[in-house]
């Protein structure tokens, strides 16, 4: 005969699960404000991904298994990879200056590396008093507009840089959600006991 469900235990597990999902909030601001340019609808996916990861981890972890150590390692890896992501974001994107009135990041190629620049951009860089930063290069060319970076960076390098940036972003996000879900299994198991 099946054991009756104890309402107190069920509410405790529900509260622990809700608390675990709420633990995502500090990281959520990082993921929403630092998403790759033109990430579009994929940015909305991250909230659903969190819930999916939590459900997957909580439903696939046997009651006797403690995944909190795995969770701490995954969360630590997410933080370290996130620091690398911020460096990559600053290398392969350019925020529009405040005086332009545009609140947007523009995807570029790989900074000022020669292979990434178009012939026009290389000639601007080698002129006397040429631009010293990608921001300066975009200002000189008036490239803070749709299609502007393509005048200065080869299209394939812009695409490759965006792909790398998006891949690292998704890896950080998954590791963060997975790590917190693993830590939450301990909380949920303890509450259910």
Protein backbone atom coordinates (compact mmCIF):
# COMPACT_ATOMS: atom_id res chain seq x y z
CA UNK A 1 0.00 0.00 0.00
CA UNK A 2 1.49 3.37 -0.97
CA UNK A 3 2.53 5.63 1.84
CA UNK A 4 0.31 8.73 2.18
CA UNK A 5 1.89 12.02 1.23
CA UNK A 6 2.74 14.14 4.23
CA UNK A 7 1.61 17.70 3.41
CA UNK A 8 4.27 19.23 5.66
CA UNK A 9 7.05 17.32 3.89
CA UNK A 10 5.65 18.18 0.46
CA UNK A 11 5.48 21.88 1.37
CA UNK A 12 9.01 21.71 2.78
CA UNK A 13 10.33 20.19 -0.44
CA UNK A 14 8.42 22.78 -2.48
CA UNK A 15 9.82 25.62 -0.34
CA UNK A 16 13.35 24.22 -0.62
CA UNK A 17 12.99 23.92 -4.41
CA UNK A 18 11.65 27.47 -4.68
CA UNK A 19 14.52 28.72 -2.54
CA UNK A 20 16.99 26.87 -4.72
CA UNK A 21 15.58 28.44 -7.87
CA UNK A 22 15.54 31.86 -6.19
CA UNK A 23 19.26 31.41 -5.54
CA UNK A 24 19.66 32.03 -9.28
CA UNK A 25 18.65 35.70 -8.88
CA UNK A 26 22.13 37.08 -8.07
CA UNK A 27 23.52 35.50 -11.22
CA UNK A 28 20.53 36.50 -13.32
CA UNK A 29 21.57 40.15 -13.45
CA UNK A 30 25.00 39.09 -14.76
CA UNK A 31 23.44 36.96 -17.49
CA UNK A 32 20.87 39.53 -18.60
CA UNK A 33 23.20 42.54 -18.68
CA UNK A 34 26.19 40.76 -20.23
CA UNK A 35 24.56 38.64 -22.92
CA UNK A 36 26.29 38.63 -26.31
CA UNK A 37 25.07 41.28 -28.78
CA UNK A 38 22.19 40.15 -30.98
CA UNK A 39 21.52 37.25 -28.62
CA UNK A 40 17.84 38.08 -29.09
CA UNK A 41 15.36 35.36 -28.20
CA UNK A 42 18.13 33.18 -26.79
CA UNK A 43 18.28 35.57 -23.84
CA UNK A 44 14.74 34.58 -22.91
CA UNK A 45 15.74 30.93 -23.11
CA UNK A 46 17.98 31.24 -20.09
CA UNK A 47 15.10 31.50 -17.61
CA UNK A 48 13.50 28.34 -19.00
CA UNK A 49 16.89 26.64 -19.07
CA UNK A 50 17.34 27.25 -15.35
CA UNK A 51 14.06 25.56 -14.52
CA UNK A 52 14.84 22.66 -16.87
CA UNK A 53 18.28 22.13 -15.30
CA UNK A 54 16.82 22.22 -11.78
CA UNK A 55 14.07 19.73 -12.66
CA UNK A 56 16.59 17.45 -14.40
CA UNK A 57 19.07 17.46 -11.52
CA UNK A 58 16.45 17.13 -8.79
CA UNK A 59 14.61 14.31 -10.58
CA UNK A 60 17.71 12.35 -11.62
CA UNK A 61 19.58 12.44 -8.32
CA UNK A 62 18.94 9.38 -6.14
CA UNK A 63 17.94 10.22 -2.54
CA UNK A 64 21.11 8.64 -1.19
CA UNK A 65 23.47 10.69 -3.37
CA UNK A 66 24.93 13.98 -2.22
CA UNK A 67 25.82 16.19 -5.19
CA UNK A 68 26.72 19.29 -3.21
CA UNK A 69 30.47 18.83 -3.82
CA UNK A 70 29.84 18.51 -7.57
CA UNK A 71 27.65 21.61 -7.32
CA UNK A 72 30.34 23.64 -5.61
CA UNK A 73 32.90 22.61 -8.23
CA UNK A 74 30.51 23.48 -11.10
CA UNK A 75 29.62 26.83 -9.53
CA UNK A 76 33.30 27.63 -8.97
CA UNK A 77 34.06 26.71 -12.59
CA UNK A 78 31.19 28.96 -13.70
CA UNK A 79 32.65 31.89 -11.78
CA UNK A 80 36.12 31.37 -13.28
CA UNK A 81 34.73 30.88 -16.79
CA UNK A 82 32.52 33.94 -16.22
CA UNK A 83 35.62 36.05 -15.54
CA UNK A 84 37.08 34.79 -18.81
CA UNK A 85 33.78 35.60 -20.51
CA UNK A 86 33.93 39.22 -19.32
CA UNK A 87 37.43 39.53 -20.79
CA UNK A 88 36.26 38.01 -24.07
CA UNK A 89 33.18 40.25 -24.10
CA UNK A 90 35.37 43.35 -23.74
CA UNK A 91 37.72 42.12 -26.49
CA UNK A 92 35.18 41.20 -29.17
CA UNK A 93 32.45 43.79 -28.52
CA UNK A 94 32.37 47.56 -28.29
CA UNK A 95 29.83 49.51 -26.22
CA UNK A 96 28.58 52.65 -27.88
CA UNK A 97 29.89 55.79 -26.15
CA UNK A 98 27.35 57.57 -23.96
CA UNK A 99 27.48 60.70 -26.13
CA UNK A 100 26.05 58.76 -29.09
CA UNK A 101 22.83 58.17 -27.14
CA UNK A 102 22.92 54.49 -28.12
CA UNK A 103 22.69 51.95 -25.30
CA UNK A 104 24.03 48.93 -27.13
CA UNK A 105 27.09 46.73 -27.56
CA UNK A 106 28.31 46.09 -31.08
CA UNK A 107 29.85 42.79 -32.09
CA UNK A 108 33.25 43.19 -33.71
CA UNK A 109 35.97 40.76 -34.72
CA UNK A 110 39.06 40.09 -32.62
CA UNK A 111 40.00 43.55 -31.37
CA UNK A 112 42.68 45.19 -33.47
CA UNK A 113 44.36 41.99 -34.65
CA UNK A 114 45.49 42.46 -38.24
CA UNK A 115 43.80 39.32 -39.66
CA UNK A 116 40.46 40.46 -38.27
CA UNK A 117 40.46 43.94 -39.82
CA UNK A 118 39.36 44.87 -43.33
CA UNK A 119 41.79 46.61 -45.69
CA UNK A 120 40.04 49.93 -44.98
CA UNK A 121 40.46 49.49 -41.22
CA UNK A 122 44.13 48.49 -41.58
CA UNK A 123 44.84 51.63 -43.61
CA UNK A 124 43.10 53.76 -40.97
CA UNK A 125 45.17 52.05 -38.26
CA UNK A 126 48.46 52.75 -40.07
CA UNK A 127 47.72 56.40 -40.81
CA UNK A 128 49.50 58.89 -38.59
CA UNK A 129 47.55 59.44 -35.39
CA UNK A 130 45.37 56.45 -36.25
CA UNK A 131 42.84 55.02 -33.83
CA UNK A 132 44.29 53.32 -30.77
CA UNK A 133 41.26 51.26 -29.70
CA UNK A 134 38.34 49.52 -31.42
CA UNK A 135 36.06 52.26 -30.02
CA UNK A 136 38.22 54.94 -31.65
CA UNK A 137 38.20 53.02 -34.93
CA UNK A 138 34.41 52.82 -34.89
CA UNK A 139 34.09 56.51 -34.04
CA UNK A 140 36.42 57.52 -36.90
CA UNK A 141 34.35 55.50 -39.36
CA UNK A 142 30.97 56.36 -37.82
CA UNK A 143 30.32 52.65 -37.36
CA UNK A 144 28.05 52.80 -34.30
CA UNK A 145 25.06 51.77 -36.40
CA UNK A 146 23.68 48.52 -37.83
CA UNK A 147 26.19 47.10 -40.31
CA UNK A 148 28.91 49.51 -39.17
CA UNK A 149 31.34 46.96 -37.72
CA UNK A 150 31.27 44.99 -41.01
CA UNK A 151 33.05 47.93 -42.65
CA UNK A 152 35.99 47.52 -40.28
CA UNK A 153 36.16 43.82 -39.39
CA UNK A 154 35.99 40.84 -41.73
CA UNK A 155 32.53 39.25 -41.55
CA UNK A 156 33.90 35.79 -40.77
CA UNK A 157 35.82 37.11 -37.73
CA UNK A 158 32.69 38.86 -36.42
CA UNK A 159 30.75 35.60 -36.79
CA UNK A 160 33.51 33.53 -35.19
CA UNK A 161 33.87 35.98 -32.29
CA UNK A 162 30.09 35.95 -31.69
CA UNK A 163 29.99 32.15 -31.83
CA UNK A 164 32.82 31.87 -29.29
CA UNK A 165 31.20 34.48 -27.05
CA UNK A 166 27.81 32.76 -27.19
CA UNK A 167 29.33 29.33 -26.52
CA UNK A 168 31.19 30.56 -23.45
CA UNK A 169 28.08 32.45 -22.26
CA UNK A 170 25.93 29.32 -22.50
CA UNK A 171 28.61 27.20 -20.79
CA UNK A 172 28.83 29.66 -17.89
CA UNK A 173 25.06 29.76 -17.61
CA UNK A 174 24.69 25.97 -17.66
CA UNK A 175 27.49 25.43 -15.11
CA UNK A 176 25.98 28.08 -12.83
CA UNK A 177 22.47 26.58 -12.98
CA UNK A 178 23.77 23.00 -12.72
CA UNK A 179 26.01 23.82 -9.76
CA UNK A 180 23.25 25.53 -7.82
CA UNK A 181 20.83 22.71 -8.64
CA UNK A 182 23.31 20.15 -7.31
CA UNK A 183 23.72 22.12 -4.09
CA UNK A 184 19.92 22.37 -3.90
CA UNK A 185 19.60 18.57 -3.96
CA UNK A 186 21.13 18.46 -0.51
CA UNK A 187 18.68 21.08 0.73
CA UNK A 188 15.69 19.32 -0.82
CA UNK A 189 16.79 15.88 0.45
CA UNK A 190 17.32 17.23 3.96
CA UNK A 191 13.89 18.88 3.95
CA UNK A 192 12.23 15.70 2.68
CA UNK A 193 13.88 13.54 5.36
